[in-house]
Amino acid sequence: FKNASLNEDGTAATVNCLEVGCGVGNFIFPVLERNPHLFMYACDF
């Protein structure tokens, strides 16, 4: 969750993630704050 992924041209690539059972976001928001290259789906029942 903190390692950057690179495109072929050396730029940072978007890492697409999903948190299942996200609750009220206690995981997703701290991680998104520290890694600007993440996109996070989040679901809960």
PDB file of all heavy atoms in Angstrom:
ATOM      1  N   PHE A   1       0.803  -1.221   0.000  1.00  0.00           N
ATOM      2  CA  PHE A   1       0.000   0.000   0.000  1.00  0.00           C
ATOM      3  C   PHE A   1       0.840   1.277   0.000  1.00  0.00           C
ATOM      4  O   PHE A   1       0.300   2.362  -0.175  1.00  0.00           O
ATOM      5  CB  PHE A   1      -0.952   0.014   1.195  1.00  0.00           C
ATOM      6  CG  PHE A   1      -2.097  -0.952   1.049  1.00  0.00           C
ATOM      7  CD1 PHE A   1      -2.113  -2.129   1.774  1.00  0.00           C
ATOM      8  CD2 PHE A   1      -3.140  -0.685   0.188  1.00  0.00           C
ATOM      9  CE1 PHE A   1      -3.159  -3.024   1.635  1.00  0.00           C
ATOM     10  CE2 PHE A   1      -4.189  -1.581   0.044  1.00  0.00           C
ATOM     11  CZ  PHE A   1      -4.199  -2.760   0.768  1.00  0.00           C
ATOM     12  N   LYS A   2       2.144   1.158   0.207  1.00  0.00           N
ATOM     13  CA  LYS A   2       2.969   2.362   0.181  1.00  0.00           C
ATOM     14  C   LYS A   2       4.004   2.355  -0.942  1.00  0.00           C
ATOM     15  O   LYS A   2       4.664   3.357  -1.185  1.00  0.00           O
ATOM     16  CB  LYS A   2       3.673   2.563   1.523  1.00  0.00           C
ATOM     17  CG  LYS A   2       4.698   1.507   1.891  1.00  0.00           C
ATOM     18  CD  LYS A   2       5.322   1.845   3.247  1.00  0.00           C
ATOM     19  CE  LYS A   2       6.363   0.812   3.652  1.00  0.00           C
ATOM     20  NZ  LYS A   2       6.949   1.119   4.974  1.00  0.00           N
ATOM     21  N   ASN A   3       4.129   1.225  -1.631  1.00  0.00           N
ATOM     22  CA  ASN A   3       5.088   1.144  -2.724  1.00  0.00           C
ATOM     23  C   ASN A   3       4.475   1.693  -4.011  1.00  0.00           C
ATOM     24  O   ASN A   3       3.370   1.297  -4.392  1.00  0.00           O
ATOM     25  CB  ASN A   3       5.532  -0.302  -2.945  1.00  0.00           C
ATOM     26  CG  ASN A   3       6.300  -0.847  -1.760  1.00  0.00           C
ATOM     27  OD1 ASN A   3       6.888  -0.071  -1.001  1.00  0.00           O
ATOM     28  ND2 ASN A   3       6.319  -2.153  -1.596  1.00  0.00           N
ATOM     29  N   ALA A   4       5.184   2.583  -4.673  1.00  0.00           N
ATOM     30  CA  ALA A   4       4.693   3.175  -5.920  1.00  0.00           C
ATOM     31  C   ALA A   4       4.921   2.215  -7.078  1.00  0.00           C
ATOM     32  O   ALA A   4       5.879   1.457  -7.119  1.00  0.00           O
ATOM     33  CB  ALA A   4       5.406   4.496  -6.186  1.00  0.00           C
ATOM     34  N   SER A   5       3.993   2.252  -8.046  1.00  0.00           N
ATOM     35  CA  SER A   5       4.125   1.486  -9.280  1.00  0.00           C
ATOM     36  C   SER A   5       4.400   2.469 -10.411  1.00  0.00           C
ATOM     37  O   SER A   5       3.848   3.572 -10.436  1.00  0.00           O
ATOM     38  CB  SER A   5       2.832   0.700  -9.543  1.00  0.00           C
ATOM     39  OG  SER A   5       2.928  -0.037 -10.728  1.00  0.00           O
ATOM     40  N   LEU A   6       5.269   2.087 -11.358  1.00  0.00           N
ATOM     41  CA  LEU A   6       5.679   3.015 -12.406  1.00  0.00           C
ATOM     42  C   LEU A   6       5.164   2.597 -13.778  1.00  0.00           C
ATOM     43  O   LEU A   6       5.090   1.405 -14.099  1.00  0.00           O
ATOM     44  CB  LEU A   6       7.215   3.113 -12.453  1.00  0.00           C
ATOM     45  CG  LEU A   6       7.919   3.611 -11.182  1.00  0.00           C
ATOM     46  CD1 LEU A   6       9.421   3.603 -11.384  1.00  0.00           C
ATOM     47  CD2 LEU A   6       7.427   5.001 -10.805  1.00  0.00           C
ATOM     48  N   ASN A   7       4.804   3.611 -14.575  1.00  0.00           N
ATOM     49  CA  ASN A   7       4.481   3.384 -15.975  1.00  0.00           C
ATOM     50  C   ASN A   7       5.769   3.169 -16.768  1.00  0.00           C
ATOM     51  O   ASN A   7       6.872   3.362 -16.254  1.00  0.00           O
ATOM     52  CB  ASN A   7       3.715   4.582 -16.540  1.00  0.00           C
ATOM     53  CG  ASN A   7       2.349   4.738 -15.892  1.00  0.00           C
ATOM     54  OD1 ASN A   7       1.594   3.768 -15.788  1.00  0.00           O
ATOM     55  ND2 ASN A   7       2.031   5.950 -15.460  1.00  0.00           N
ATOM     56  N   GLU A   8       5.627   2.804 -18.038  1.00  0.00           N
ATOM     57  CA  GLU A   8       6.806   2.583 -18.888  1.00  0.00           C
ATOM     58  C   GLU A   8       7.650   3.844 -19.035  1.00  0.00           C
ATOM     59  O   GLU A   8       8.864   3.776 -19.226  1.00  0.00           O
ATOM     60  CB  GLU A   8       6.369   2.074 -20.263  1.00  0.00           C
ATOM     61  CG  GLU A   8       5.777   0.663 -20.223  1.00  0.00           C
ATOM     62  CD  GLU A   8       5.404   0.170 -21.599  1.00  0.00           C
ATOM     63  OE1 GLU A   8       5.590   0.932 -22.567  1.00  0.00           O
ATOM     64  OE2 GLU A   8       4.941  -0.984 -21.709  1.00  0.00           O
ATOM     65  N   ASP A   9       7.005   5.024 -18.967  1.00  0.00           N
ATOM     66  CA  ASP A   9       7.764   6.274 -19.116  1.00  0.00           C
ATOM     67  C   ASP A   9       8.356   6.765 -17.799  1.00  0.00           C
ATOM     68  O   ASP A   9       8.929   7.850 -17.724  1.00  0.00           O
ATOM     69  CB  ASP A   9       6.870   7.361 -19.719  1.00  0.00           C
ATOM     70  CG  ASP A   9       5.665   7.684 -18.844  1.00  0.00           C
ATOM     71  OD1 ASP A   9       5.542   7.079 -17.750  1.00  0.00           O
ATOM     72  OD2 ASP A   9       4.843   8.526 -19.242  1.00  0.00           O
ATOM     73  N   GLY A  10       8.242   5.962 -16.731  1.00  0.00           N
ATOM     74  CA  GLY A  10       8.841   6.317 -15.456  1.00  0.00           C
ATOM     75  C   GLY A  10       7.949   7.111 -14.529  1.00  0.00           C
ATOM     76  O   GLY A  10       8.326   7.373 -13.389  1.00  0.00           O
ATOM     77  N   THR A  11       6.764   7.498 -14.989  1.00  0.00           N
ATOM     78  CA  THR A  11       5.835   8.235 -14.131  1.00  0.00           C
ATOM     79  C   THR A  11       5.095   7.271 -13.205  1.00  0.00           C
ATOM     80  O   THR A  11       4.975   6.078 -13.503  1.00  0.00           O
ATOM     81  CB  THR A  11       4.820   9.029 -14.974  1.00  0.00           C
ATOM     82  OG1 THR A  11       4.093   8.108 -15.805  1.00  0.00           O
ATOM     83  CG2 THR A  11       5.522  10.061 -15.832  1.00  0.00           C
ATOM     84  N   ALA A  12       4.615   7.803 -12.101  1.00  0.00           N
ATOM     85  CA  ALA A  12       3.902   6.968 -11.133  1.00  0.00           C
ATOM     86  C   ALA A  12       2.563   6.514 -11.699  1.00  0.00           C
ATOM     87  O   ALA A  12       1.796   7.318 -12.237  1.00  0.00           O
ATOM     88  CB  ALA A  12       3.691   7.737  -9.841  1.00  0.00           C
ATOM     89  N   ALA A  13       2.286   5.235 -11.597  1.00  0.00           N
ATOM     90  CA  ALA A  13       1.025   4.672 -12.090  1.00  0.00           C
ATOM     91  C   ALA A  13       0.002   4.635 -10.959  1.00  0.00           C
ATOM     92  O   ALA A  13       0.348   4.526  -9.782  1.00  0.00           O
ATOM     93  CB  ALA A  13       1.256   3.276 -12.624  1.00  0.00           C
ATOM     94  N   THR A  14      -1.260   4.719 -11.321  1.00  0.00           N
ATOM     95  CA  THR A  14      -2.336   4.582 -10.344  1.00  0.00           C
ATOM     96  C   THR A  14      -2.475   3.120  -9.941  1.00  0.00           C
ATOM     97  O   THR A  14      -2.503   2.227 -10.793  1.00  0.00           O
ATOM     98  CB  THR A  14      -3.669   5.083 -10.922  1.00  0.00           C
ATOM     99  OG1 THR A  14      -3.553   6.472 -11.235  1.00  0.00           O
ATOM    100  CG2 THR A  14      -4.802   4.889  -9.916  1.00  0.00           C
ATOM    101  N   VAL A  15      -2.526   2.871  -8.650  1.00  0.00           N
ATOM    102  CA  VAL A  15      -2.741   1.526  -8.129  1.00  0.00           C
ATOM    103  C   VAL A  15      -4.202   1.431  -7.714  1.00  0.00           C
ATOM    104  O   VAL A  15      -4.664   2.178  -6.845  1.00  0.00           O
ATOM    105  CB  VAL A  15      -1.820   1.242  -6.932  1.00  0.00           C
ATOM    106  CG1 VAL A  15      -2.067  -0.167  -6.390  1.00  0.00           C
ATOM    107  CG2 VAL A  15      -0.366   1.405  -7.328  1.00  0.00           C
ATOM    108  N   ASN A  16      -4.942   0.539  -8.359  1.00  0.00           N
ATOM    109  CA  ASN A  16      -6.372   0.386  -8.082  1.00  0.00           C
ATOM    110  C   ASN A  16      -6.593  -0.653  -6.996  1.00  0.00           C
ATOM    111  O   ASN A  16      -6.162  -1.804  -7.125  1.00  0.00           O
ATOM    112  CB  ASN A  16      -7.108  -0.022  -9.358  1.00  0.00           C
ATOM    113  CG  ASN A  16      -7.112   1.087 -10.393  1.00  0.00           C
ATOM    114  OD1 ASN A  16      -7.532   2.199 -10.112  1.00  0.00           O
ATOM    115  ND2 ASN A  16      -6.623   0.792 -11.593  1.00  0.00           N
ATOM    116  N   CYS A  17      -7.270  -0.227  -5.925  1.00  0.00           N
ATOM    117  CA  CYS A  17      -7.437  -1.067  -4.739  1.00  0.00           C
ATOM    118  C   CYS A  17      -8.914  -1.178  -4.366  1.00  0.00           C
ATOM    119  O   CYS A  17      -9.740  -0.365  -4.762  1.00  0.00           O
ATOM    120  CB  CYS A  17      -6.676  -0.484  -3.556  1.00  0.00           C
ATOM    121  SG  CYS A  17      -4.940  -0.137  -3.854  1.00  0.00           S
ATOM    122  N   LEU A  18      -9.197  -2.176  -3.565  1.00  0.00           N
ATOM    123  CA  LEU A  18     -10.530  -2.356  -2.987  1.00  0.00           C
ATOM    124  C   LEU A  18     -10.382  -2.765  -1.539  1.00  0.00           C
ATOM    125  O   LEU A  18      -9.600  -3.666  -1.221  1.00  0.00           O
ATOM    126  CB  LEU A  18     -11.302  -3.439  -3.743  1.00  0.00           C
ATOM    127  CG  LEU A  18     -12.556  -4.012  -3.042  1.00  0.00           C
ATOM    128  CD1 LEU A  18     -13.665  -2.954  -2.932  1.00  0.00           C
ATOM    129  CD2 LEU A  18     -13.073  -5.250  -3.784  1.00  0.00           C
ATOM    130  N   GLU A  19     -11.115  -2.096  -0.668  1.00  0.00           N
ATOM    131  CA  GLU A  19     -11.254  -2.592   0.700  1.00  0.00           C
ATOM    132  C   GLU A  19     -12.639  -3.170   0.849  1.00  0.00           C
ATOM    133  O   GLU A  19     -13.641  -2.454   0.703  1.00  0.00           O
ATOM    134  CB  GLU A  19     -11.043  -1.515   1.760  1.00  0.00           C
ATOM    135  CG  GLU A  19     -11.068  -2.169   3.143  1.00  0.00           C
ATOM    136  CD  GLU A  19     -11.126  -1.209   4.309  1.00  0.00           C
ATOM    137  OE1 GLU A  19     -11.459  -0.039   4.119  1.00  0.00           O
ATOM    138  OE2 GLU A  19     -10.849  -1.664   5.439  1.00  0.00           O
ATOM    139  N   VAL A  20     -12.711  -4.472   1.134  1.00  0.00           N
ATOM    140  CA  VAL A  20     -14.005  -5.095   1.408  1.00  0.00           C
ATOM    141  C   VAL A  20     -14.283  -4.938   2.895  1.00  0.00           C
ATOM    142  O   VAL A  20     -13.377  -5.011   3.728  1.00  0.00           O
ATOM    143  CB  VAL A  20     -14.015  -6.581   0.990  1.00  0.00           C
ATOM    144  CG1 VAL A  20     -13.879  -6.710  -0.518  1.00  0.00           C
ATOM    145  CG2 VAL A  20     -12.927  -7.384   1.683  1.00  0.00           C
ATOM    146  N   GLY A  21     -15.560  -4.682   3.226  1.00  0.00           N
ATOM    147  CA  GLY A  21     -15.906  -4.449   4.622  1.00  0.00           C
ATOM    148  C   GLY A  21     -15.251  -3.192   5.152  1.00  0.00           C
ATOM    149  O   GLY A  21     -14.562  -3.210   6.176  1.00  0.00           O
ATOM    150  N   CYS A  22     -15.475  -2.086   4.456  1.00  0.00           N
ATOM    151  CA  CYS A  22     -14.741  -0.845   4.759  1.00  0.00           C
ATOM    152  C   CYS A  22     -15.160  -0.173   6.050  1.00  0.00           C
ATOM    153  O   CYS A  22     -14.458   0.699   6.552  1.00  0.00           O
ATOM    154  CB  CYS A  22     -14.896   0.139   3.604  1.00  0.00           C
ATOM    155  SG  CYS A  22     -16.603   0.718   3.332  1.00  0.00           S
ATOM    156  N   GLY A  23     -16.317  -0.569   6.622  1.00  0.00           N
ATOM    157  CA  GLY A  23     -16.778   0.114   7.827  1.00  0.00           C
ATOM    158  C   GLY A  23     -16.926   1.595   7.564  1.00  0.00           C
ATOM    159  O   GLY A  23     -17.478   2.000   6.535  1.00  0.00           O
ATOM    160  N   VAL A  24     -16.401   2.433   8.457  1.00  0.00           N
ATOM    161  CA  VAL A  24     -16.541   3.884   8.319  1.00  0.00           C
ATOM    162  C   VAL A  24     -15.275   4.549   7.773  1.00  0.00           C
ATOM    163  O   VAL A  24     -15.124   5.758   7.847  1.00  0.00           O
ATOM    164  CB  VAL A  24     -16.954   4.524   9.662  1.00  0.00           C
ATOM    165  CG1 VAL A  24     -18.318   4.012  10.099  1.00  0.00           C
ATOM    166  CG2 VAL A  24     -15.909   4.271  10.746  1.00  0.00           C
ATOM    167  N   GLY A  25     -14.343   3.737   7.232  1.00  0.00           N
ATOM    168  CA  GLY A  25     -13.180   4.308   6.557  1.00  0.00           C
ATOM    169  C   GLY A  25     -11.917   4.390   7.385  1.00  0.00           C
ATOM    170  O   GLY A  25     -10.999   5.130   7.029  1.00  0.00           O
ATOM    171  N   ASN A  26     -11.810   3.614   8.477  1.00  0.00           N
ATOM    172  CA  ASN A  26     -10.625   3.689   9.338  1.00  0.00           C
ATOM    173  C   ASN A  26      -9.352   3.199   8.650  1.00  0.00           C
ATOM    174  O   ASN A  26      -8.249   3.504   9.094  1.00  0.00           O
ATOM    175  CB  ASN A  26     -10.849   2.870  10.618  1.00  0.00           C
ATOM    176  CG  ASN A  26     -12.011   3.394  11.431  1.00  0.00           C
ATOM    177  OD1 ASN A  26     -13.096   2.831  11.383  1.00  0.00           O
ATOM    178  ND2 ASN A  26     -11.799   4.472  12.156  1.00  0.00           N
ATOM    179  N   PHE A  27      -9.508   2.453   7.574  1.00  0.00           N
ATOM    180  CA  PHE A  27      -8.360   1.999   6.796  1.00  0.00           C
ATOM    181  C   PHE A  27      -8.110   2.892   5.578  1.00  0.00           C
ATOM    182  O   PHE A  27      -6.995   3.354   5.339  1.00  0.00           O
ATOM    183  CB  PHE A  27      -8.577   0.548   6.350  1.00  0.00           C
ATOM    184  CG  PHE A  27      -7.732   0.120   5.196  1.00  0.00           C
ATOM    185  CD1 PHE A  27      -6.369  -0.061   5.347  1.00  0.00           C
ATOM    186  CD2 PHE A  27      -8.283  -0.111   3.949  1.00  0.00           C
ATOM    187  CE1 PHE A  27      -5.571  -0.470   4.280  1.00  0.00           C
ATOM    188  CE2 PHE A  27      -7.513  -0.511   2.877  1.00  0.00           C
ATOM    189  CZ  PHE A  27      -6.146  -0.691   3.035  1.00  0.00           C
ATOM    190  N   ILE A  28      -9.151   3.172   4.824  1.00  0.00           N
ATOM    191  CA  ILE A  28      -8.949   3.813   3.518  1.00  0.00           C
ATOM    192  C   ILE A  28      -8.402   5.231   3.615  1.00  0.00           C
ATOM    193  O   ILE A  28      -7.514   5.611   2.844  1.00  0.00           O
ATOM    194  CB  ILE A  28     -10.234   3.793   2.660  1.00  0.00           C
ATOM    195  CG1 ILE A  28     -11.393   4.476   3.375  1.00  0.00           C
ATOM    196  CG2 ILE A  28     -10.596   2.390   2.281  1.00  0.00           C
ATOM    197  CD1 ILE A  28     -12.661   4.543   2.533  1.00  0.00           C
ATOM    198  N   PHE A  29      -8.877   6.018   4.547  1.00  0.00           N
ATOM    199  CA  PHE A  29      -8.454   7.427   4.578  1.00  0.00           C
ATOM    200  C   PHE A  29      -6.999   7.608   5.024  1.00  0.00           C
ATOM    201  O   PHE A  29      -6.268   8.399   4.414  1.00  0.00           O
ATOM    202  CB  PHE A  29      -9.427   8.250   5.419  1.00  0.00           C
ATOM    203  CG  PHE A  29     -10.793   8.342   4.790  1.00  0.00           C
ATOM    204  CD1 PHE A  29     -11.913   7.844   5.438  1.00  0.00           C
ATOM    205  CD2 PHE A  29     -10.961   8.902   3.533  1.00  0.00           C
ATOM    206  CE1 PHE A  29     -13.165   7.905   4.853  1.00  0.00           C
ATOM    207  CE2 PHE A  29     -12.211   8.966   2.936  1.00  0.00           C
ATOM    208  CZ  PHE A  29     -13.314   8.463   3.590  1.00  0.00           C
ATOM    209  N   PRO A  30      -6.497   6.901   6.056  1.00  0.00           N
ATOM    210  CA  PRO A  30      -5.064   7.010   6.367  1.00  0.00           C
ATOM    211  C   PRO A  30      -4.171   6.565   5.203  1.00  0.00           C
ATOM    212  O   PRO A  30      -3.134   7.176   4.938  1.00  0.00           O
ATOM    213  CB  PRO A  30      -4.904   6.083   7.583  1.00  0.00           C
ATOM    214  CG  PRO A  30      -6.242   6.074   8.234  1.00  0.00           C
ATOM    215  CD  PRO A  30      -7.223   6.123   7.090  1.00  0.00           C
ATOM    216  N   VAL A  31      -4.561   5.499   4.498  1.00  0.00           N
ATOM    217  CA  VAL A  31      -3.745   5.002   3.388  1.00  0.00           C
ATOM    218  C   VAL A  31      -3.767   5.976   2.212  1.00  0.00           C
ATOM    219  O   VAL A  31      -2.728   6.263   1.597  1.00  0.00           O
ATOM    220  CB  VAL A  31      -4.230   3.603   2.960  1.00  0.00           C
ATOM    221  CG1 VAL A  31      -3.577   3.185   1.653  1.00  0.00           C
ATOM    222  CG2 VAL A  31      -3.910   2.581   4.039  1.00  0.00           C
ATOM    223  N   LEU A  32      -4.931   6.500   1.878  1.00  0.00           N
ATOM    224  CA  LEU A  32      -5.029   7.458   0.778  1.00  0.00           C
ATOM    225  C   LEU A  32      -4.240   8.728   1.065  1.00  0.00           C
ATOM    226  O   LEU A  32      -3.635   9.320   0.163  1.00  0.00           O
ATOM    227  CB  LEU A  32      -6.500   7.814   0.517  1.00  0.00           C
ATOM    228  CG  LEU A  32      -7.349   6.750  -0.185  1.00  0.00           C
ATOM    229  CD1 LEU A  32      -8.808   7.174  -0.205  1.00  0.00           C
ATOM    230  CD2 LEU A  32      -6.860   6.493  -1.605  1.00  0.00           C
ATOM    231  N   GLU A  33      -4.229   9.130   2.327  1.00  0.00           N
ATOM    232  CA  GLU A  33      -3.499  10.345   2.693  1.00  0.00           C
ATOM    233  C   GLU A  33      -2.000  10.200   2.440  1.00  0.00           C
ATOM    234  O   GLU A  33      -1.336  11.142   2.003  1.00  0.00           O
ATOM    235  CB  GLU A  33      -3.748  10.666   4.172  1.00  0.00           C
ATOM    236  CG  GLU A  33      -3.030  11.913   4.658  1.00  0.00           C
ATOM    237  CD  GLU A  33      -3.226  12.160   6.140  1.00  0.00           C
ATOM    238  OE1 GLU A  33      -3.770  11.273   6.834  1.00  0.00           O
ATOM    239  OE2 GLU A  33      -2.844  13.251   6.612  1.00  0.00           O
ATOM    240  N   ARG A  34      -1.460   9.000   2.696  1.00  0.00           N
ATOM    241  CA  ARG A  34      -0.020   8.806   2.593  1.00  0.00           C
ATOM    242  C   ARG A  34       0.446   8.332   1.213  1.00  0.00           C
ATOM    243  O   ARG A  34       1.638   8.365   0.933  1.00  0.00           O
ATOM    244  CB  ARG A  34       0.448   7.832   3.673  1.00  0.00           C
ATOM    245  CG  ARG A  34       0.422   8.446   5.074  1.00  0.00           C
ATOM    246  CD  ARG A  34       1.139   7.568   6.074  1.00  0.00           C
ATOM    247  NE  ARG A  34       0.402   6.350   6.357  1.00  0.00           N
ATOM    248  CZ  ARG A  34      -0.519   6.247   7.316  1.00  0.00           C
ATOM    249  NH1 ARG A  34      -0.817   7.290   8.058  1.00  0.00           N
ATOM    250  NH2 ARG A  34      -1.139   5.111   7.534  1.00  0.00           N
ATOM    251  N   ASN A  35      -0.476   7.880   0.377  1.00  0.00           N
ATOM    252  CA  ASN A  35      -0.081   7.430  -0.955  1.00  0.00           C
ATOM    253  C   ASN A  35      -0.973   8.097  -1.997  1.00  0.00           C
ATOM    254  O   ASN A  35      -2.098   7.657  -2.233  1.00  0.00           O
ATOM    255  CB  ASN A  35      -0.172   5.914  -1.076  1.00  0.00           C
ATOM    256  CG  ASN A  35       0.482   5.394  -2.350  1.00  0.00           C
ATOM    257  OD1 ASN A  35       0.558   6.114  -3.354  1.00  0.00           O
ATOM    258  ND2 ASN A  35       0.932   4.151  -2.323  1.00  0.00           N
ATOM    259  N   PRO A  36      -0.485   9.151  -2.650  1.00  0.00           N
ATOM    260  CA  PRO A  36      -1.308   9.905  -3.604  1.00  0.00           C
ATOM    261  C   PRO A  36      -1.603   9.160  -4.896  1.00  0.00           C
ATOM    262  O   PRO A  36      -2.397   9.635  -5.714  1.00  0.00           O
ATOM    263  CB  PRO A  36      -0.463  11.156  -3.879  1.00  0.00           C
ATOM    264  CG  PRO A  36       0.947  10.710  -3.646  1.00  0.00           C
ATOM    265  CD  PRO A  36       0.869   9.720  -2.517  1.00  0.00           C
ATOM    266  N   HIS A  37      -1.001   7.984  -5.085  1.00  0.00           N
ATOM    267  CA  HIS A  37      -1.171   7.260  -6.349  1.00  0.00           C
ATOM    268  C   HIS A  37      -2.153   6.100  -6.243  1.00  0.00           C
ATOM    269  O   HIS A  37      -2.279   5.294  -7.159  1.00  0.00           O
ATOM    270  CB  HIS A  37       0.186   6.757  -6.846  1.00  0.00           C
ATOM    271  CG  HIS A  37       1.203   7.847  -6.984  1.00  0.00           C
ATOM    272  ND1 HIS A  37       1.063   8.893  -7.874  1.00  0.00           N
ATOM    273  CD2 HIS A  37       2.364   8.074  -6.306  1.00  0.00           C
ATOM    274  CE1 HIS A  37       2.100   9.709  -7.764  1.00  0.00           C
ATOM    275  NE2 HIS A  37       2.891   9.243  -6.813  1.00  0.00           N
ATOM    276  N   LEU A  38      -2.859   6.014  -5.111  1.00  0.00           N
ATOM    277  CA  LEU A  38      -3.871   4.973  -4.936  1.00  0.00           C
ATOM    278  C   LEU A  38      -5.246   5.481  -5.343  1.00  0.00           C
ATOM    279  O   LEU A  38      -5.595   6.635  -5.089  1.00  0.00           O
ATOM    280  CB  LEU A  38      -3.950   4.518  -3.478  1.00  0.00           C
ATOM    281  CG  LEU A  38      -2.759   3.794  -2.848  1.00  0.00           C
ATOM    282  CD1 LEU A  38      -3.121   3.365  -1.439  1.00  0.00           C
ATOM    283  CD2 LEU A  38      -2.349   2.590  -3.675  1.00  0.00           C
ATOM    284  N   PHE A  39      -6.030   4.603  -5.971  1.00  0.00           N
ATOM    285  CA  PHE A  39      -7.470   4.825  -6.089  1.00  0.00           C
ATOM    286  C   PHE A  39      -8.130   3.686  -5.335  1.00  0.00           C
ATOM    287  O   PHE A  39      -7.797   2.507  -5.534  1.00  0.00           O
ATOM    288  CB  PHE A  39      -7.949   4.828  -7.535  1.00  0.00           C
ATOM    289  CG  PHE A  39      -9.441   5.025  -7.635  1.00  0.00           C
ATOM    290  CD1 PHE A  39      -9.975   6.305  -7.650  1.00  0.00           C
ATOM    291  CD2 PHE A  39     -10.319   3.938  -7.661  1.00  0.00           C
ATOM    292  CE1 PHE A  39     -11.354   6.501  -7.698  1.00  0.00           C
ATOM    293  CE2 PHE A  39     -11.689   4.122  -7.708  1.00  0.00           C
ATOM    294  CZ  PHE A  39     -12.210   5.409  -7.731  1.00  0.00           C
ATOM    295  N   MET A  40      -9.062   4.022  -4.450  1.00  0.00           N
ATOM    296  CA  MET A  40      -9.620   3.033  -3.543  1.00  0.00           C
ATOM    297  C   MET A  40     -11.126   2.874  -3.727  1.00  0.00           C
ATOM    298  O   MET A  40     -11.894   3.814  -3.517  1.00  0.00           O
ATOM    299  CB  MET A  40      -9.323   3.444  -2.097  1.00  0.00           C
ATOM    300  CG  MET A  40      -9.742   2.431  -1.055  1.00  0.00           C
ATOM    301  SD  MET A  40      -8.644   0.999  -0.977  1.00  0.00           S
ATOM    302  CE  MET A  40      -7.160   1.746  -0.296  1.00  0.00           C
ATOM    303  N   TYR A  41     -11.543   1.680  -4.138  1.00  0.00           N
ATOM    304  CA  TYR A  41     -12.944   1.302  -4.003  1.00  0.00           C
ATOM    305  C   TYR A  41     -13.147   0.824  -2.569  1.00  0.00           C
ATOM    306  O   TYR A  41     -12.227   0.269  -1.955  1.00  0.00           O
ATOM    307  CB  TYR A  41     -13.309   0.157  -4.955  1.00  0.00           C
ATOM    308  CG  TYR A  41     -13.315   0.508  -6.419  1.00  0.00           C
ATOM    309  CD1 TYR A  41     -12.218   0.220  -7.220  1.00  0.00           C
ATOM    310  CD2 TYR A  41     -14.436   1.103  -7.005  1.00  0.00           C
ATOM    311  CE1 TYR A  41     -12.221   0.521  -8.582  1.00  0.00           C
ATOM    312  CE2 TYR A  41     -14.452   1.403  -8.363  1.00  0.00           C
ATOM    313  CZ  TYR A  41     -13.339   1.113  -9.139  1.00  0.00           C
ATOM    314  OH  TYR A  41     -13.359   1.414 -10.483  1.00  0.00           O
ATOM    315  N   ALA A  42     -14.349   1.033  -2.041  1.00  0.00           N
ATOM    316  CA  ALA A  42     -14.627   0.606  -0.666  1.00  0.00           C
ATOM    317  C   ALA A  42     -16.077   0.151  -0.583  1.00  0.00           C
ATOM    318  O   ALA A  42     -16.976   0.870  -1.015  1.00  0.00           O
ATOM    319  CB  ALA A  42     -14.384   1.760   0.305  1.00  0.00           C
ATOM    320  N   CYS A  43     -16.289  -1.036  -0.043  1.00  0.00           N
ATOM    321  CA  CYS A  43     -17.663  -1.534   0.052  1.00  0.00           C
ATOM    322  C   CYS A  43     -17.930  -2.128   1.428  1.00  0.00           C
ATOM    323  O   CYS A  43     -17.017  -2.574   2.129  1.00  0.00           O
ATOM    324  CB  CYS A  43     -17.943  -2.570  -1.047  1.00  0.00           C
ATOM    325  SG  CYS A  43     -17.082  -4.144  -0.832  1.00  0.00           S
ATOM    326  N   ASP A  44     -19.191  -2.112   1.794  1.00  0.00           N
ATOM    327  CA  ASP A  44     -19.639  -2.703   3.051  1.00  0.00           C
ATOM    328  C   ASP A  44     -21.097  -3.102   2.872  1.00  0.00           C
ATOM    329  O   ASP A  44     -21.817  -2.497   2.068  1.00  0.00           O
ATOM    330  CB  ASP A  44     -19.496  -1.707   4.207  1.00  0.00           C
ATOM    331  CG  ASP A  44     -19.445  -2.400   5.564  1.00  0.00           C
ATOM    332  OD1 ASP A  44     -20.497  -2.897   6.031  1.00  0.00           O
ATOM    333  OD2 ASP A  44     -18.349  -2.461   6.160  1.00  0.00           O
ATOM    334  N   PHE A  45     -21.540  -4.131   3.627  1.00  0.00           N
ATOM    335  CA  PHE A  45     -22.959  -4.503   3.487  1.00  0.00           C
ATOM    336  C   PHE A  45     -23.858  -3.754   4.462  1.00  0.00           C
ATOM    337  O   PHE A  45     -25.055  -3.972   4.510  1.00  0.00           O
ATOM    338  CB  PHE A  45     -23.176  -6.017   3.550  1.00  0.00           C
ATOM    339  CG  PHE A  45     -22.834  -6.712   4.841  1.00  0.00           C
ATOM    340  CD1 PHE A  45     -22.361  -6.047   5.954  1.00  0.00           C
ATOM    341  CD2 PHE A  45     -23.008  -8.085   4.938  1.00  0.00           C
ATOM    342  CE1 PHE A  45     -22.067  -6.708   7.131  1.00  0.00           C
ATOM    343  CE2 PHE A  45     -22.726  -8.776   6.113  1.00  0.00           C
ATOM    344  CZ  PHE A  45     -22.249  -8.076   7.204  1.00  0.00           C
TER     345      PHE A  45
END
